[in-house]
Amino acid sequence: MKAADIKAMIEAGLPDADVEVFGEDGQHFDARVFSPSFSGKSLIEQHRAVKATLGDSFTSGAVHALSLKTGVSR
């Protein structure tokens, strides 16, 4: 899995989001996701929304670790 793949998956699931994903080893990634759809949601709800866009990437082992920074705006 590449950072660009994760970025595309998040953008497909959260089309209004501003997304940046970093990670060069193919298993450990850092993502910054900012979306108006996060308004009124707790940090945990925001993270769950992002992880939901990745489907089974965690359970299949394609992504080992994902660090998230989320919010409504930068």
PDB file of N, CA and C in Angstrom:
ATOM      1  N   MET A   1       0.859  -1.178   0.000  1.00  0.00           N
ATOM      2  CA  MET A   1       0.000   0.000   0.000  1.00  0.00           C
ATOM      3  C   MET A   1       0.902   1.237   0.000  1.00  0.00           C
ATOM      4  N   LYS A   2       0.510   2.212  -0.769  1.00  0.00           N
ATOM      5  CA  LYS A   2       1.258   3.471  -0.856  1.00  0.00           C
ATOM      6  C   LYS A   2       0.425   4.592  -0.253  1.00  0.00           C
ATOM      7  N   ALA A   3       1.109   5.663   0.139  1.00  0.00           N
ATOM      8  CA  ALA A   3       0.425   6.823   0.711  1.00  0.00           C
ATOM      9  C   ALA A   3      -0.634   7.361  -0.260  1.00  0.00           C
ATOM     10  N   ALA A   4      -0.335   7.352  -1.547  1.00  0.00           N
ATOM     11  CA  ALA A   4      -1.286   7.844  -2.550  1.00  0.00           C
ATOM     12  C   ALA A   4      -2.553   6.990  -2.592  1.00  0.00           C
ATOM     13  N   ASP A   5      -2.414   5.684  -2.342  1.00  0.00           N
ATOM     14  CA  ASP A   5      -3.583   4.787  -2.311  1.00  0.00           C
ATOM     15  C   ASP A   5      -4.495   5.140  -1.134  1.00  0.00           C
ATOM     16  N   ILE A   6      -3.895   5.356   0.018  1.00  0.00           N
ATOM     17  CA  ILE A   6      -4.673   5.712   1.204  1.00  0.00           C
ATOM     18  C   ILE A   6      -5.348   7.057   1.003  1.00  0.00           C
ATOM     19  N   LYS A   7      -4.623   8.021   0.445  1.00  0.00           N
ATOM     20  CA  LYS A   7      -5.190   9.346   0.165  1.00  0.00           C
ATOM     21  C   LYS A   7      -6.410   9.213  -0.736  1.00  0.00           C
ATOM     22  N   ALA A   8      -6.306   8.417  -1.783  1.00  0.00           N
ATOM     23  CA  ALA A   8      -7.416   8.231  -2.726  1.00  0.00           C
ATOM     24  C   ALA A   8      -8.621   7.582  -2.043  1.00  0.00           C
ATOM     25  N   MET A   9      -8.380   6.618  -1.157  1.00  0.00           N
ATOM     26  CA  MET A   9      -9.474   5.956  -0.460  1.00  0.00           C
ATOM     27  C   MET A   9     -10.197   6.925   0.479  1.00  0.00           C
ATOM     28  N   ILE A  10      -9.431   7.742   1.191  1.00  0.00           N
ATOM     29  CA  ILE A  10     -10.036   8.716   2.104  1.00  0.00           C
ATOM     30  C   ILE A  10     -10.827   9.752   1.319  1.00  0.00           C
ATOM     31  N   GLU A  11     -10.254  10.241   0.231  1.00  0.00           N
ATOM     32  CA  GLU A  11     -10.944  11.240  -0.596  1.00  0.00           C
ATOM     33  C   GLU A  11     -12.217  10.671  -1.217  1.00  0.00           C
ATOM     34  N   ALA A  12     -12.210   9.396  -1.573  1.00  0.00           N
ATOM     35  CA  ALA A  12     -13.412   8.775  -2.142  1.00  0.00           C
ATOM     36  C   ALA A  12     -14.520   8.687  -1.092  1.00  0.00           C
ATOM     37  N   GLY A  13     -14.137   8.387   0.143  1.00  0.00           N
ATOM     38  CA  GLY A  13     -15.120   8.249   1.211  1.00  0.00           C
ATOM     39  C   GLY A  13     -15.544   9.557   1.844  1.00  0.00           C
ATOM     40  N   LEU A  14     -14.671  10.558   1.776  1.00  0.00           N
ATOM     41  CA  LEU A  14     -14.956  11.893   2.325  1.00  0.00           C
ATOM     42  C   LEU A  14     -14.630  12.920   1.246  1.00  0.00           C
ATOM     43  N   PRO A  15     -15.500  13.048   0.243  1.00  0.00           N
ATOM     44  CA  PRO A  15     -15.179  13.870  -0.929  1.00  0.00           C
ATOM     45  C   PRO A  15     -14.940  15.346  -0.636  1.00  0.00           C
ATOM     46  N   ASP A  16     -15.439  15.851   0.504  1.00  0.00           N
ATOM     47  CA  ASP A  16     -15.234  17.263   0.817  1.00  0.00           C
ATOM     48  C   ASP A  16     -13.970  17.506   1.643  1.00  0.00           C
ATOM     49  N   ALA A  17     -13.181  16.460   1.866  1.00  0.00           N
ATOM     50  CA  ALA A  17     -12.023  16.551   2.754  1.00  0.00           C
ATOM     51  C   ALA A  17     -10.771  17.042   2.040  1.00  0.00           C
ATOM     52  N   ASP A  18      -9.954  17.738   2.807  1.00  0.00           N
ATOM     53  CA  ASP A  18      -8.600  18.117   2.407  1.00  0.00           C
ATOM     54  C   ASP A  18      -7.694  17.069   3.046  1.00  0.00           C
ATOM     55  N   VAL A  19      -6.994  16.276   2.232  1.00  0.00           N
ATOM     56  CA  VAL A  19      -6.271  15.102   2.727  1.00  0.00           C
ATOM     57  C   VAL A  19      -4.797  15.158   2.344  1.00  0.00           C
ATOM     58  N   GLU A  20      -3.939  14.866   3.323  1.00  0.00           N
ATOM     59  CA  GLU A  20      -2.513  14.665   3.084  1.00  0.00           C
ATOM     60  C   GLU A  20      -2.132  13.366   3.776  1.00  0.00           C
ATOM     61  N   VAL A  21      -1.368  12.522   3.093  1.00  0.00           N
ATOM     62  CA  VAL A  21      -0.913  11.265   3.690  1.00  0.00           C
ATOM     63  C   VAL A  21       0.578  11.120   3.423  1.00  0.00           C
ATOM     64  N   PHE A  22       1.299  10.750   4.472  1.00  0.00           N
ATOM     65  CA  PHE A  22       2.742  10.569   4.386  1.00  0.00           C
ATOM     66  C   PHE A  22       3.098   9.174   4.873  1.00  0.00           C
ATOM     67  N   GLY A  23       4.123   8.596   4.302  1.00  0.00           N
ATOM     68  CA  GLY A  23       4.608   7.279   4.727  1.00  0.00           C
ATOM     69  C   GLY A  23       5.310   6.606   3.575  1.00  0.00           C
ATOM     70  N   GLU A  24       6.543   6.218   3.812  1.00  0.00           N
ATOM     71  CA  GLU A  24       7.355   5.661   2.730  1.00  0.00           C
ATOM     72  C   GLU A  24       7.602   4.166   2.834  1.00  0.00           C
ATOM     73  N   ASP A  25       7.291   3.562   4.001  1.00  0.00           N
ATOM     74  CA  ASP A  25       7.639   2.148   4.160  1.00  0.00           C
ATOM     75  C   ASP A  25       6.525   1.186   3.758  1.00  0.00           C
ATOM     76  N   GLY A  26       5.371   1.722   3.369  1.00  0.00           N
ATOM     77  CA  GLY A  26       4.287   0.877   2.908  1.00  0.00           C
ATOM     78  C   GLY A  26       3.397   0.291   3.988  1.00  0.00           C
ATOM     79  N   GLN A  27       3.712   0.570   5.266  1.00  0.00           N
ATOM     80  CA  GLN A  27       2.892   0.035   6.354  1.00  0.00           C
ATOM     81  C   GLN A  27       2.557   1.059   7.425  1.00  0.00           C
ATOM     82  N   HIS A  28       3.388   2.069   7.601  1.00  0.00           N
ATOM     83  CA  HIS A  28       3.186   3.082   8.639  1.00  0.00           C
ATOM     84  C   HIS A  28       2.923   4.426   7.962  1.00  0.00           C
ATOM     85  N   PHE A  29       1.787   5.042   8.323  1.00  0.00           N
ATOM     86  CA  PHE A  29       1.375   6.261   7.639  1.00  0.00           C
ATOM     87  C   PHE A  29       0.919   7.333   8.628  1.00  0.00           C
ATOM     88  N   ASP A  30       1.070   8.566   8.219  1.00  0.00           N
ATOM     89  CA  ASP A  30       0.533   9.726   8.931  1.00  0.00           C
ATOM     90  C   ASP A  30      -0.441  10.411   7.983  1.00  0.00           C
ATOM     91  N   ALA A  31      -1.648  10.696   8.471  1.00  0.00           N
ATOM     92  CA  ALA A  31      -2.654  11.353   7.630  1.00  0.00           C
ATOM     93  C   ALA A  31      -3.191  12.581   8.343  1.00  0.00           C
ATOM     94  N   ARG A  32      -3.379  13.621   7.559  1.00  0.00           N
ATOM     95  CA  ARG A  32      -4.048  14.829   8.026  1.00  0.00           C
ATOM     96  C   ARG A  32      -5.301  14.984   7.188  1.00  0.00           C
ATOM     97  N   VAL A  33      -6.442  14.970   7.867  1.00  0.00           N
ATOM     98  CA  VAL A  33      -7.723  14.994   7.171  1.00  0.00           C
ATOM     99  C   VAL A  33      -8.600  16.081   7.791  1.00  0.00           C
ATOM    100  N   PHE A  34      -8.956  17.050   6.975  1.00  0.00           N
ATOM    101  CA  PHE A  34      -9.803  18.152   7.434  1.00  0.00           C
ATOM    102  C   PHE A  34     -11.044  18.199   6.556  1.00  0.00           C
ATOM    103  N   SER A  35     -12.219  18.184   7.211  1.00  0.00           N
ATOM    104  CA  SER A  35     -13.465  18.102   6.461  1.00  0.00           C
ATOM    105  C   SER A  35     -14.580  18.857   7.169  1.00  0.00           C
ATOM    106  N   PRO A  36     -15.368  19.634   6.418  1.00  0.00           N
ATOM    107  CA  PRO A  36     -16.536  20.282   7.007  1.00  0.00           C
ATOM    108  C   PRO A  36     -17.517  19.264   7.590  1.00  0.00           C
ATOM    109  N   SER A  37     -17.499  18.035   7.083  1.00  0.00           N
ATOM    110  CA  SER A  37     -18.424  17.008   7.588  1.00  0.00           C
ATOM    111  C   SER A  37     -18.083  16.584   9.017  1.00  0.00           C
ATOM    112  N   PHE A  38     -16.930  16.982   9.533  1.00  0.00           N
ATOM    113  CA  PHE A  38     -16.553  16.677  10.902  1.00  0.00           C
ATOM    114  C   PHE A  38     -17.174  17.638  11.911  1.00  0.00           C
ATOM    115  N   SER A  39     -17.830  18.668  11.424  1.00  0.00           N
ATOM    116  CA  SER A  39     -18.428  19.664  12.321  1.00  0.00           C
ATOM    117  C   SER A  39     -19.387  18.999  13.304  1.00  0.00           C
ATOM    118  N   GLY A  40     -19.192  19.272  14.587  1.00  0.00           N
ATOM    119  CA  GLY A  40     -20.052  18.722  15.626  1.00  0.00           C
ATOM    120  C   GLY A  40     -19.696  17.303  16.052  1.00  0.00           C
ATOM    121  N   LYS A  41     -18.674  16.704  15.423  1.00  0.00           N
ATOM    122  CA  LYS A  41     -18.274  15.344  15.767  1.00  0.00           C
ATOM    123  C   LYS A  41     -17.084  15.371  16.714  1.00  0.00           C
ATOM    124  N   SER A  42     -17.054  14.409  17.623  1.00  0.00           N
ATOM    125  CA  SER A  42     -15.919  14.288  18.530  1.00  0.00           C
ATOM    126  C   SER A  42     -14.695  13.809  17.745  1.00  0.00           C
ATOM    127  N   LEU A  43     -13.534  13.917  18.359  1.00  0.00           N
ATOM    128  CA  LEU A  43     -12.310  13.453  17.727  1.00  0.00           C
ATOM    129  C   LEU A  43     -12.396  11.966  17.400  1.00  0.00           C
ATOM    130  N   ILE A  44     -12.957  11.185  18.302  1.00  0.00           N
ATOM    131  CA  ILE A  44     -13.099   9.742  18.058  1.00  0.00           C
ATOM    132  C   ILE A  44     -14.024   9.489  16.868  1.00  0.00           C
ATOM    133  N   GLU A  45     -15.116  10.227  16.764  1.00  0.00           N
ATOM    134  CA  GLU A  45     -16.029  10.073  15.622  1.00  0.00           C
ATOM    135  C   GLU A  45     -15.345  10.459  14.315  1.00  0.00           C
ATOM    136  N   GLN A  46     -14.513  11.494  14.349  1.00  0.00           N
ATOM    137  CA  GLN A  46     -13.771  11.904  13.159  1.00  0.00           C
ATOM    138  C   GLN A  46     -12.814  10.793  12.729  1.00  0.00           C
ATOM    139  N   HIS A  47     -12.088  10.227  13.691  1.00  0.00           N
ATOM    140  CA  HIS A  47     -11.140   9.161  13.368  1.00  0.00           C
ATOM    141  C   HIS A  47     -11.857   7.922  12.846  1.00  0.00           C
ATOM    142  N   ARG A  48     -12.981   7.598  13.429  1.00  0.00           N
ATOM    143  CA  ARG A  48     -13.761   6.440  12.948  1.00  0.00           C
ATOM    144  C   ARG A  48     -14.238   6.663  11.513  1.00  0.00           C
ATOM    145  N   ALA A  49     -14.627   7.897  11.204  1.00  0.00           N
ATOM    146  CA  ALA A  49     -15.086   8.211   9.846  1.00  0.00           C
ATOM    147  C   ALA A  49     -13.953   8.014   8.841  1.00  0.00           C
ATOM    148  N   VAL A  50     -12.750   8.431   9.215  1.00  0.00           N
ATOM    149  CA  VAL A  50     -11.598   8.260   8.319  1.00  0.00           C
ATOM    150  C   VAL A  50     -11.281   6.773   8.172  1.00  0.00           C
ATOM    151  N   LYS A  51     -11.199   6.062   9.278  1.00  0.00           N
ATOM    152  CA  LYS A  51     -10.871   4.632   9.214  1.00  0.00           C
ATOM    153  C   LYS A  51     -11.913   3.850   8.431  1.00  0.00           C
ATOM    154  N   ALA A  52     -13.169   4.261   8.480  1.00  0.00           N
ATOM    155  CA  ALA A  52     -14.230   3.590   7.719  1.00  0.00           C
ATOM    156  C   ALA A  52     -13.976   3.671   6.215  1.00  0.00           C
ATOM    157  N   THR A  53     -13.321   4.733   5.758  1.00  0.00           N
ATOM    158  CA  THR A  53     -13.040   4.879   4.325  1.00  0.00           C
ATOM    159  C   THR A  53     -11.992   3.883   3.846  1.00  0.00           C
ATOM    160  N   LEU A  54     -11.255   3.293   4.780  1.00  0.00           N
ATOM    161  CA  LEU A  54     -10.158   2.392   4.415  1.00  0.00           C
ATOM    162  C   LEU A  54     -10.576   0.929   4.357  1.00  0.00           C
ATOM    163  N   GLY A  55     -11.846   0.665   4.620  1.00  0.00           N
ATOM    164  CA  GLY A  55     -12.351  -0.710   4.514  1.00  0.00           C
ATOM    165  C   GLY A  55     -11.580  -1.678   5.381  1.00  0.00           C
ATOM    166  N   ASP A  56     -11.157  -2.784   4.816  1.00  0.00           N
ATOM    167  CA  ASP A  56     -10.458  -3.818   5.578  1.00  0.00           C
ATOM    168  C   ASP A  56      -8.939  -3.707   5.515  1.00  0.00           C
ATOM    169  N   SER A  57      -8.442  -2.537   5.198  1.00  0.00           N
ATOM    170  CA  SER A  57      -6.994  -2.347   5.065  1.00  0.00           C
ATOM    171  C   SER A  57      -6.238  -2.672   6.351  1.00  0.00           C
ATOM    172  N   PHE A  58      -6.874  -2.445   7.508  1.00  0.00           N
ATOM    173  CA  PHE A  58      -6.222  -2.763   8.777  1.00  0.00           C
ATOM    174  C   PHE A  58      -6.286  -4.257   9.080  1.00  0.00           C
ATOM    175  N   THR A  59      -7.449  -4.853   8.910  1.00  0.00           N
ATOM    176  CA  THR A  59      -7.600  -6.274   9.233  1.00  0.00           C
ATOM    177  C   THR A  59      -6.844  -7.167   8.254  1.00  0.00           C
ATOM    178  N   SER A  60      -6.662  -6.699   7.027  1.00  0.00           N
ATOM    179  CA  SER A  60      -5.935  -7.500   6.037  1.00  0.00           C
ATOM    180  C   SER A  60      -4.426  -7.358   6.182  1.00  0.00           C
ATOM    181  N   GLY A  61      -3.980  -6.383   6.991  1.00  0.00           N
ATOM    182  CA  GLY A  61      -2.552  -6.163   7.178  1.00  0.00           C
ATOM    183  C   GLY A  61      -1.924  -5.229   6.168  1.00  0.00           C
ATOM    184  N   ALA A  62      -2.718  -4.701   5.235  1.00  0.00           N
ATOM    185  CA  ALA A  62      -2.178  -3.781   4.229  1.00  0.00           C
ATOM    186  C   ALA A  62      -1.647  -2.504   4.874  1.00  0.00           C
ATOM    187  N   VAL A  63      -2.295  -2.086   5.956  1.00  0.00           N
ATOM    188  CA  VAL A  63      -1.846  -0.919   6.721  1.00  0.00           C
ATOM    189  C   VAL A  63      -1.609  -1.392   8.143  1.00  0.00           C
ATOM    190  N   HIS A  64      -0.396  -1.200   8.627  1.00  0.00           N
ATOM    191  CA  HIS A  64      -0.069  -1.627   9.988  1.00  0.00           C
ATOM    192  C   HIS A  64      -0.379  -0.530  11.001  1.00  0.00           C
ATOM    193  N   ALA A  65      -0.059   0.716  10.649  1.00  0.00           N
ATOM    194  CA  ALA A  65      -0.270   1.823  11.582  1.00  0.00           C
ATOM    195  C   ALA A  65      -0.641   3.089  10.815  1.00  0.00           C
ATOM    196  N   LEU A  66      -1.603   3.813  11.386  1.00  0.00           N
ATOM    197  CA  LEU A  66      -2.033   5.067  10.785  1.00  0.00           C
ATOM    198  C   LEU A  66      -2.208   6.093  11.898  1.00  0.00           C
ATOM    199  N   SER A  67      -1.405   7.133  11.863  1.00  0.00           N
ATOM    200  CA  SER A  67      -1.530   8.236  12.805  1.00  0.00           C
ATOM    201  C   SER A  67      -2.418   9.291  12.147  1.00  0.00           C
ATOM    202  N   LEU A  68      -3.435   9.753  12.875  1.00  0.00           N
ATOM    203  CA  LEU A  68      -4.400  10.705  12.289  1.00  0.00           C
ATOM    204  C   LEU A  68      -4.379  12.043  12.997  1.00  0.00           C
ATOM    205  N   LYS A  69      -4.484  13.083  12.210  1.00  0.00           N
ATOM    206  CA  LYS A  69      -4.790  14.421  12.704  1.00  0.00           C
ATOM    207  C   LYS A  69      -6.018  14.858  11.915  1.00  0.00           C
ATOM    208  N   THR A  70      -7.121  15.134  12.608  1.00  0.00           N
ATOM    209  CA  THR A  70      -8.356  15.483  11.927  1.00  0.00           C
ATOM    210  C   THR A  70      -8.926  16.773  12.496  1.00  0.00           C
ATOM    211  N   GLY A  71      -9.813  17.383  11.738  1.00  0.00           N
ATOM    212  CA  GLY A  71     -10.498  18.580  12.185  1.00  0.00           C
ATOM    213  C   GLY A  71     -11.405  19.111  11.094  1.00  0.00           C
ATOM    214  N   VAL A  72     -12.135  20.159  11.447  1.00  0.00           N
ATOM    215  CA  VAL A  72     -13.042  20.789  10.491  1.00  0.00           C
ATOM    216  C   VAL A  72     -12.254  21.638   9.495  1.00  0.00           C
ATOM    217  N   SER A  73     -11.243  22.331  10.004  1.00  0.00           N
ATOM    218  CA  SER A  73     -10.374  23.133   9.122  1.00  0.00           C
ATOM    219  C   SER A  73      -8.983  23.157   9.708  1.00  0.00           C
ATOM    220  N   ARG A  74      -8.057  23.573   8.891  1.00  0.00           N
ATOM    221  CA  ARG A  74      -6.643  23.616   9.320  1.00  0.00           C
ATOM    222  C   ARG A  74      -6.408  24.642  10.373  1.00  0.00           C
TER     223      ARG A  74
END
